[in-house]
Amino acid sequence: MNETLHPGSDFEQLRWRSAEVAAQTAQFDRLSFEEILALAPAVLRSLISSARLQVTREHEQQADGPLSRGPVQLANGSSAFASCYVGPAEPVWFTAYGFSEADQLTLALFFDRLEQALQAAGYAEELNRQARRDWLTGLL
């Protein structure tokens, strides 16, 4: 993002970036959990062209991977931005690479929005699955 393209105050900058993230992630609202996960890397690249997003499922997560949220230092000395989603349908970890320090606000806003979309899709899918369950036998 070019710092000269938007107003200068911190509040105006936050509002501008929030609006940009909301516009780019609006398509998440119509998608399933899996579709959101598949689209997330491209949406992040549309916000920060140099950024890359790694999506790691629970069964793929390594013990030494970043488990915190926010800026992290990796074992190889490089910087990353980590986030996670732990609700239904399954826990997922996200690690973003290739961004500047100035992009951290955009990353935080993107990950907040991504988590909201995943939560809405995951719970909707879980409720739909439970609505089809036979509560007497437990079968779908």
N, C-alpha and C. Protein backbone atom coordinates (compact mmCIF):
# COMPACT_ATOMS: atom_id res chain seq x y z
N MET A 1 0.83 -1.17 0.00
CA MET A 1 0.00 0.00 0.00
C MET A 1 0.88 1.24 0.00
N ASN A 2 0.50 2.19 -0.76
CA ASN A 2 1.26 3.42 -0.84
C ASN A 2 0.72 4.40 0.19
N GLU A 3 1.57 4.78 1.13
CA GLU A 3 1.17 5.65 2.23
C GLU A 3 0.67 7.01 1.75
N THR A 4 1.05 7.45 0.55
CA THR A 4 0.66 8.77 0.07
C THR A 4 -0.73 8.80 -0.56
N LEU A 5 -1.39 7.66 -0.68
CA LEU A 5 -2.68 7.62 -1.35
C LEU A 5 -3.87 7.86 -0.43
N HIS A 6 -3.66 7.96 0.87
CA HIS A 6 -4.78 8.13 1.78
C HIS A 6 -4.46 9.20 2.81
N PRO A 7 -5.47 9.69 3.50
CA PRO A 7 -5.27 10.78 4.46
C PRO A 7 -4.24 10.44 5.53
N GLY A 8 -3.71 11.48 6.18
CA GLY A 8 -2.57 11.33 7.05
C GLY A 8 -2.82 10.98 8.50
N SER A 9 -3.93 11.36 9.11
CA SER A 9 -4.09 11.09 10.54
C SER A 9 -4.23 9.60 10.79
N ASP A 10 -3.86 9.18 11.99
CA ASP A 10 -3.94 7.76 12.34
C ASP A 10 -5.37 7.25 12.24
N PHE A 11 -6.33 8.05 12.71
CA PHE A 11 -7.73 7.62 12.64
C PHE A 11 -8.18 7.48 11.20
N GLU A 12 -7.85 8.44 10.36
CA GLU A 12 -8.23 8.39 8.95
C GLU A 12 -7.57 7.21 8.25
N GLN A 13 -6.30 6.95 8.60
CA GLN A 13 -5.59 5.82 8.01
C GLN A 13 -6.25 4.50 8.41
N LEU A 14 -6.61 4.37 9.68
CA LEU A 14 -7.29 3.16 10.15
C LEU A 14 -8.62 2.99 9.44
N ARG A 15 -9.38 4.07 9.32
CA ARG A 15 -10.69 3.99 8.66
C ARG A 15 -10.53 3.62 7.19
N TRP A 16 -9.54 4.20 6.52
CA TRP A 16 -9.29 3.90 5.11
C TRP A 16 -8.90 2.44 4.92
N ARG A 17 -7.98 1.96 5.74
CA ARG A 17 -7.54 0.56 5.62
C ARG A 17 -8.66 -0.41 5.98
N SER A 18 -9.45 -0.07 7.00
CA SER A 18 -10.59 -0.92 7.37
C SER A 18 -11.57 -1.04 6.22
N ALA A 19 -11.84 0.07 5.57
CA ALA A 19 -12.77 0.05 4.43
C ALA A 19 -12.21 -0.78 3.28
N GLU A 20 -10.91 -0.66 3.04
CA GLU A 20 -10.29 -1.43 1.96
C GLU A 20 -10.34 -2.94 2.27
N VAL A 21 -10.02 -3.32 3.51
CA VAL A 21 -10.08 -4.73 3.89
C VAL A 21 -11.52 -5.24 3.80
N ALA A 22 -12.48 -4.46 4.27
CA ALA A 22 -13.89 -4.86 4.20
C ALA A 22 -14.33 -5.07 2.76
N ALA A 23 -13.92 -4.19 1.87
CA ALA A 23 -14.30 -4.32 0.47
C ALA A 23 -13.69 -5.57 -0.17
N GLN A 24 -12.43 -5.83 0.11
CA GLN A 24 -11.75 -6.99 -0.48
C GLN A 24 -12.25 -8.31 0.09
N THR A 25 -12.69 -8.31 1.34
CA THR A 25 -13.11 -9.56 1.98
C THR A 25 -14.63 -9.76 1.97
N ALA A 26 -15.37 -8.85 1.37
CA ALA A 26 -16.84 -8.96 1.33
C ALA A 26 -17.30 -10.26 0.69
N GLN A 27 -16.54 -10.75 -0.28
CA GLN A 27 -16.92 -11.99 -0.96
C GLN A 27 -16.89 -13.20 -0.03
N PHE A 28 -16.18 -13.13 1.09
CA PHE A 28 -16.13 -14.24 2.04
C PHE A 28 -17.52 -14.56 2.58
N ASP A 29 -18.39 -13.56 2.67
CA ASP A 29 -19.71 -13.75 3.28
C ASP A 29 -20.60 -14.72 2.52
N ARG A 30 -20.33 -14.95 1.26
CA ARG A 30 -21.17 -15.84 0.45
C ARG A 30 -20.59 -17.23 0.31
N LEU A 31 -19.45 -17.49 0.93
CA LEU A 31 -18.71 -18.73 0.67
C LEU A 31 -18.79 -19.72 1.83
N SER A 32 -18.47 -20.96 1.51
CA SER A 32 -18.38 -22.00 2.53
C SER A 32 -17.02 -21.90 3.23
N PHE A 33 -16.86 -22.62 4.30
CA PHE A 33 -15.60 -22.65 5.06
C PHE A 33 -14.44 -23.00 4.15
N GLU A 34 -14.58 -24.06 3.36
CA GLU A 34 -13.50 -24.50 2.46
C GLU A 34 -13.21 -23.47 1.37
N GLU A 35 -14.25 -22.85 0.85
CA GLU A 35 -14.06 -21.84 -0.19
C GLU A 35 -13.33 -20.61 0.35
N ILE A 36 -13.63 -20.23 1.58
CA ILE A 36 -12.93 -19.10 2.20
C ILE A 36 -11.45 -19.42 2.34
N LEU A 37 -11.14 -20.62 2.83
CA LEU A 37 -9.74 -21.01 2.98
C LEU A 37 -9.01 -21.00 1.65
N ALA A 38 -9.67 -21.45 0.60
CA ALA A 38 -9.04 -21.49 -0.72
C ALA A 38 -8.81 -20.09 -1.29
N LEU A 39 -9.70 -19.16 -1.00
CA LEU A 39 -9.61 -17.82 -1.55
C LEU A 39 -8.74 -16.86 -0.73
N ALA A 40 -8.54 -17.15 0.54
CA ALA A 40 -7.83 -16.23 1.44
C ALA A 40 -6.45 -15.79 0.93
N PRO A 41 -5.60 -16.69 0.41
CA PRO A 41 -4.29 -16.21 -0.08
C PRO A 41 -4.40 -15.17 -1.19
N ALA A 42 -5.33 -15.34 -2.11
CA ALA A 42 -5.49 -14.38 -3.21
C ALA A 42 -6.02 -13.04 -2.70
N VAL A 43 -6.92 -13.08 -1.73
CA VAL A 43 -7.46 -11.84 -1.17
C VAL A 43 -6.35 -11.07 -0.44
N LEU A 44 -5.51 -11.79 0.31
CA LEU A 44 -4.40 -11.11 0.98
C LEU A 44 -3.46 -10.48 -0.04
N ARG A 45 -3.17 -11.19 -1.13
CA ARG A 45 -2.31 -10.63 -2.18
C ARG A 45 -2.94 -9.39 -2.82
N SER A 46 -4.27 -9.34 -2.89
CA SER A 46 -4.92 -8.15 -3.45
C SER A 46 -4.76 -6.95 -2.52
N LEU A 47 -4.61 -7.21 -1.23
CA LEU A 47 -4.41 -6.13 -0.26
C LEU A 47 -2.94 -5.73 -0.14
N ILE A 48 -2.06 -6.72 -0.14
CA ILE A 48 -0.61 -6.50 -0.02
C ILE A 48 0.03 -7.37 -1.08
N SER A 49 0.43 -6.80 -2.18
CA SER A 49 0.87 -7.57 -3.33
C SER A 49 2.08 -8.46 -3.05
N SER A 50 2.92 -8.09 -2.11
CA SER A 50 4.12 -8.89 -1.83
C SER A 50 3.86 -10.00 -0.81
N ALA A 51 2.72 -9.99 -0.14
CA ALA A 51 2.44 -10.95 0.94
C ALA A 51 2.03 -12.31 0.40
N ARG A 52 2.43 -13.33 1.10
CA ARG A 52 2.03 -14.71 0.81
C ARG A 52 1.44 -15.30 2.07
N LEU A 53 0.41 -16.11 1.92
CA LEU A 53 -0.30 -16.70 3.06
C LEU A 53 -0.17 -18.21 3.02
N GLN A 54 0.29 -18.78 4.13
CA GLN A 54 0.35 -20.23 4.29
C GLN A 54 -0.81 -20.64 5.20
N VAL A 55 -1.62 -21.58 4.75
CA VAL A 55 -2.75 -22.10 5.50
C VAL A 55 -2.38 -23.51 5.96
N THR A 56 -2.45 -23.74 7.28
CA THR A 56 -2.07 -25.04 7.83
C THR A 56 -3.24 -25.60 8.62
N ARG A 57 -3.67 -26.79 8.25
CA ARG A 57 -4.76 -27.46 8.97
C ARG A 57 -4.25 -28.06 10.26
N GLU A 58 -5.15 -28.40 11.17
CA GLU A 58 -4.75 -28.95 12.48
C GLU A 58 -3.85 -30.17 12.33
N HIS A 59 -4.20 -31.09 11.45
CA HIS A 59 -3.40 -32.31 11.29
C HIS A 59 -2.06 -32.06 10.62
N GLU A 60 -1.86 -30.87 10.03
CA GLU A 60 -0.60 -30.52 9.39
C GLU A 60 0.30 -29.67 10.29
N GLN A 61 -0.25 -29.16 11.39
CA GLN A 61 0.48 -28.23 12.25
C GLN A 61 1.65 -28.94 12.94
N GLN A 62 2.82 -28.32 12.86
CA GLN A 62 3.99 -28.86 13.52
C GLN A 62 4.14 -28.20 14.87
N ALA A 63 4.70 -28.93 15.82
CA ALA A 63 4.84 -28.42 17.18
C ALA A 63 5.66 -27.15 17.25
N ASP A 64 6.63 -26.97 16.36
CA ASP A 64 7.48 -25.79 16.42
C ASP A 64 6.96 -24.63 15.56
N GLY A 65 5.76 -24.76 15.00
CA GLY A 65 5.19 -23.70 14.19
C GLY A 65 4.70 -22.55 15.05
N PRO A 66 4.46 -21.40 14.43
CA PRO A 66 3.98 -20.24 15.19
C PRO A 66 2.54 -20.47 15.67
N LEU A 67 2.34 -20.41 16.97
CA LEU A 67 1.01 -20.64 17.55
C LEU A 67 0.41 -19.36 18.12
N SER A 68 1.12 -18.27 18.06
CA SER A 68 0.63 -17.02 18.60
C SER A 68 -0.04 -16.21 17.49
N ARG A 69 -0.63 -15.08 17.89
CA ARG A 69 -1.23 -14.17 16.92
C ARG A 69 -0.42 -12.90 16.88
N GLY A 70 -0.28 -12.37 15.68
CA GLY A 70 0.45 -11.12 15.52
C GLY A 70 1.83 -11.37 14.96
N PRO A 71 2.71 -10.37 15.05
CA PRO A 71 4.06 -10.50 14.51
C PRO A 71 4.85 -11.58 15.27
N VAL A 72 5.56 -12.43 14.55
CA VAL A 72 6.38 -13.47 15.16
C VAL A 72 7.73 -13.54 14.45
N GLN A 73 8.72 -13.99 15.18
CA GLN A 73 10.03 -14.28 14.62
C GLN A 73 10.11 -15.79 14.44
N LEU A 74 10.43 -16.23 13.24
CA LEU A 74 10.53 -17.65 12.96
C LEU A 74 11.92 -18.15 13.33
N ALA A 75 12.07 -19.45 13.41
CA ALA A 75 13.34 -20.06 13.80
C ALA A 75 14.48 -19.67 12.86
N ASN A 76 14.18 -19.43 11.60
CA ASN A 76 15.23 -19.05 10.64
C ASN A 76 15.57 -17.56 10.69
N GLY A 77 14.95 -16.82 11.62
CA GLY A 77 15.25 -15.41 11.79
C GLY A 77 14.37 -14.47 10.99
N SER A 78 13.53 -14.99 10.13
CA SER A 78 12.66 -14.13 9.33
C SER A 78 11.41 -13.74 10.12
N SER A 79 10.76 -12.68 9.67
CA SER A 79 9.54 -12.20 10.32
C SER A 79 8.31 -12.74 9.61
N ALA A 80 7.27 -12.93 10.36
CA ALA A 80 5.99 -13.38 9.81
C ALA A 80 4.88 -12.79 10.66
N PHE A 81 3.66 -12.97 10.21
CA PHE A 81 2.48 -12.54 10.96
C PHE A 81 1.60 -13.77 11.07
N ALA A 82 1.29 -14.17 12.29
CA ALA A 82 0.56 -15.42 12.50
C ALA A 82 -0.84 -15.15 13.06
N SER A 83 -1.75 -16.04 12.74
CA SER A 83 -3.09 -16.00 13.28
C SER A 83 -3.64 -17.42 13.26
N CYS A 84 -4.74 -17.63 13.96
CA CYS A 84 -5.35 -18.97 13.94
C CYS A 84 -6.86 -18.83 14.11
N TYR A 85 -7.55 -19.88 13.68
CA TYR A 85 -8.99 -19.99 13.86
C TYR A 85 -9.22 -21.36 14.47
N VAL A 86 -9.95 -21.44 15.59
CA VAL A 86 -10.08 -22.72 16.29
C VAL A 86 -11.51 -23.25 16.36
N GLY A 87 -12.46 -22.61 15.71
CA GLY A 87 -13.84 -23.07 15.78
C GLY A 87 -14.14 -24.15 14.77
N PRO A 88 -15.43 -24.46 14.60
CA PRO A 88 -15.77 -25.45 13.60
C PRO A 88 -15.50 -24.90 12.20
N ALA A 89 -15.21 -25.63 11.25
CA ALA A 89 -15.21 -27.07 11.17
C ALA A 89 -13.92 -27.68 11.73
N GLU A 90 -12.83 -26.96 11.74
CA GLU A 90 -11.58 -27.46 12.30
C GLU A 90 -10.64 -26.29 12.55
N PRO A 91 -9.69 -26.48 13.46
CA PRO A 91 -8.68 -25.42 13.68
C PRO A 91 -7.78 -25.25 12.45
N VAL A 92 -7.44 -23.99 12.18
CA VAL A 92 -6.59 -23.66 11.04
C VAL A 92 -5.62 -22.57 11.48
N TRP A 93 -4.36 -22.70 11.11
CA TRP A 93 -3.34 -21.70 11.41
C TRP A 93 -2.95 -20.99 10.13
N PHE A 94 -2.68 -19.70 10.25
CA PHE A 94 -2.30 -18.88 9.11
C PHE A 94 -0.97 -18.20 9.40
N THR A 95 -0.10 -18.18 8.42
CA THR A 95 1.16 -17.46 8.53
C THR A 95 1.36 -16.65 7.26
N ALA A 96 1.54 -15.34 7.42
CA ALA A 96 1.77 -14.44 6.29
C ALA A 96 3.25 -14.07 6.25
N TYR A 97 3.78 -14.04 5.05
CA TYR A 97 5.19 -13.70 4.81
C TYR A 97 5.25 -12.62 3.74
N GLY A 98 6.41 -11.97 3.63
CA GLY A 98 6.67 -11.06 2.51
C GLY A 98 5.96 -9.73 2.59
N PHE A 99 5.89 -9.14 3.74
CA PHE A 99 5.23 -7.86 3.91
C PHE A 99 6.17 -6.91 4.64
N SER A 100 5.86 -5.63 4.59
CA SER A 100 6.68 -4.65 5.30
C SER A 100 6.07 -4.38 6.68
N GLU A 101 6.82 -3.73 7.51
CA GLU A 101 6.33 -3.40 8.85
C GLU A 101 5.10 -2.49 8.77
N ALA A 102 5.05 -1.64 7.77
CA ALA A 102 3.91 -0.75 7.58
C ALA A 102 2.62 -1.51 7.25
N ASP A 103 2.73 -2.75 6.81
CA ASP A 103 1.56 -3.56 6.44
C ASP A 103 0.93 -4.29 7.61
N GLN A 104 1.49 -4.19 8.81
CA GLN A 104 0.98 -4.98 9.93
C GLN A 104 -0.45 -4.62 10.33
N LEU A 105 -0.83 -3.37 10.20
CA LEU A 105 -2.21 -2.99 10.48
C LEU A 105 -3.16 -3.66 9.50
N THR A 106 -2.81 -3.64 8.24
CA THR A 106 -3.63 -4.30 7.22
C THR A 106 -3.73 -5.79 7.49
N LEU A 107 -2.62 -6.42 7.89
CA LEU A 107 -2.63 -7.84 8.21
C LEU A 107 -3.55 -8.13 9.39
N ALA A 108 -3.47 -7.33 10.43
CA ALA A 108 -4.32 -7.54 11.60
C ALA A 108 -5.80 -7.41 11.23
N LEU A 109 -6.13 -6.39 10.43
CA LEU A 109 -7.52 -6.22 9.99
C LEU A 109 -7.97 -7.38 9.10
N PHE A 110 -7.10 -7.84 8.20
CA PHE A 110 -7.42 -8.96 7.33
C PHE A 110 -7.69 -10.23 8.15
N PHE A 111 -6.82 -10.52 9.11
CA PHE A 111 -7.00 -11.73 9.90
C PHE A 111 -8.23 -11.66 10.80
N ASP A 112 -8.56 -10.48 11.33
CA ASP A 112 -9.80 -10.34 12.10
C ASP A 112 -11.01 -10.64 11.21
N ARG A 113 -11.00 -10.10 10.01
CA ARG A 113 -12.12 -10.31 9.08
C ARG A 113 -12.18 -11.77 8.62
N LEU A 114 -11.02 -12.36 8.37
CA LEU A 114 -10.97 -13.77 7.96
C LEU A 114 -11.54 -14.66 9.05
N GLU A 115 -11.16 -14.40 10.29
CA GLU A 115 -11.68 -15.21 11.41
C GLU A 115 -13.19 -15.05 11.54
N GLN A 116 -13.70 -13.85 11.40
CA GLN A 116 -15.15 -13.63 11.46
C GLN A 116 -15.87 -14.42 10.37
N ALA A 117 -15.35 -14.39 9.17
CA ALA A 117 -15.98 -15.10 8.05
C ALA A 117 -15.92 -16.61 8.25
N LEU A 118 -14.77 -17.11 8.72
CA LEU A 118 -14.65 -18.55 8.97
C LEU A 118 -15.60 -18.99 10.09
N GLN A 119 -15.71 -18.17 11.12
CA GLN A 119 -16.60 -18.51 12.22
C GLN A 119 -18.05 -18.57 11.75
N ALA A 120 -18.47 -17.57 10.98
CA ALA A 120 -19.85 -17.56 10.48
C ALA A 120 -20.11 -18.78 9.59
N ALA A 121 -19.19 -19.07 8.68
CA ALA A 121 -19.36 -20.21 7.78
C ALA A 121 -19.29 -21.53 8.53
N GLY A 122 -18.33 -21.65 9.44
CA GLY A 122 -18.15 -22.90 10.19
C GLY A 122 -19.33 -23.22 11.07
N TYR A 123 -19.84 -22.22 11.79
CA TYR A 123 -20.99 -22.46 12.65
C TYR A 123 -22.25 -22.71 11.84
N ALA A 124 -22.41 -22.03 10.72
CA ALA A 124 -23.58 -22.28 9.87
C ALA A 124 -23.56 -23.70 9.34
N GLU A 125 -22.39 -24.17 8.91
CA GLU A 125 -22.28 -25.54 8.41
C GLU A 125 -22.52 -26.55 9.53
N GLU A 126 -22.01 -26.27 10.74
CA GLU A 126 -22.21 -27.17 11.87
C GLU A 126 -23.67 -27.23 12.27
N LEU A 127 -24.35 -26.08 12.32
CA LEU A 127 -25.77 -26.08 12.65
C LEU A 127 -26.58 -26.82 11.60
N ASN A 128 -26.23 -26.66 10.34
CA ASN A 128 -26.92 -27.37 9.27
C ASN A 128 -26.72 -28.88 9.42
N ARG A 129 -25.50 -29.29 9.75
CA ARG A 129 -25.21 -30.71 9.95
C ARG A 129 -26.00 -31.25 11.14
N GLN A 130 -26.03 -30.50 12.23
CA GLN A 130 -26.75 -30.95 13.41
C GLN A 130 -28.26 -31.00 13.18
N ALA A 131 -28.77 -30.12 12.33
CA ALA A 131 -30.20 -30.11 12.03
C ALA A 131 -30.62 -31.38 11.30
N ARG A 132 -29.68 -32.01 10.61
CA ARG A 132 -29.98 -33.25 9.88
C ARG A 132 -29.75 -34.49 10.74
N ARG A 133 -29.18 -34.33 11.92
CA ARG A 133 -28.85 -35.47 12.78
C ARG A 133 -30.11 -36.01 13.47
N ASP A 134 -30.22 -37.31 13.49
CA ASP A 134 -31.28 -37.97 14.23
C ASP A 134 -30.82 -38.04 15.68
N TRP A 135 -31.45 -37.25 16.54
CA TRP A 135 -30.97 -37.15 17.92
C TRP A 135 -31.24 -38.44 18.72
N LEU A 136 -32.12 -39.27 18.26
CA LEU A 136 -32.36 -40.54 18.94
C LEU A 136 -31.23 -41.53 18.67
N THR A 137 -30.80 -41.63 17.41
CA THR A 137 -29.77 -42.60 17.05
C THR A 137 -28.39 -41.98 16.91
N GLY A 138 -28.34 -40.66 16.72
CA GLY A 138 -27.05 -39.99 16.52
C GLY A 138 -26.55 -40.08 15.08
N LEU A 139 -27.34 -40.64 14.18
CA LEU A 139 -26.92 -40.81 12.79
C LEU A 139 -27.33 -39.60 11.96
N LEU A 140 -26.53 -39.36 10.93
CA LEU A 140 -26.87 -38.26 10.00
C LEU A 140 -27.81 -38.76 8.93
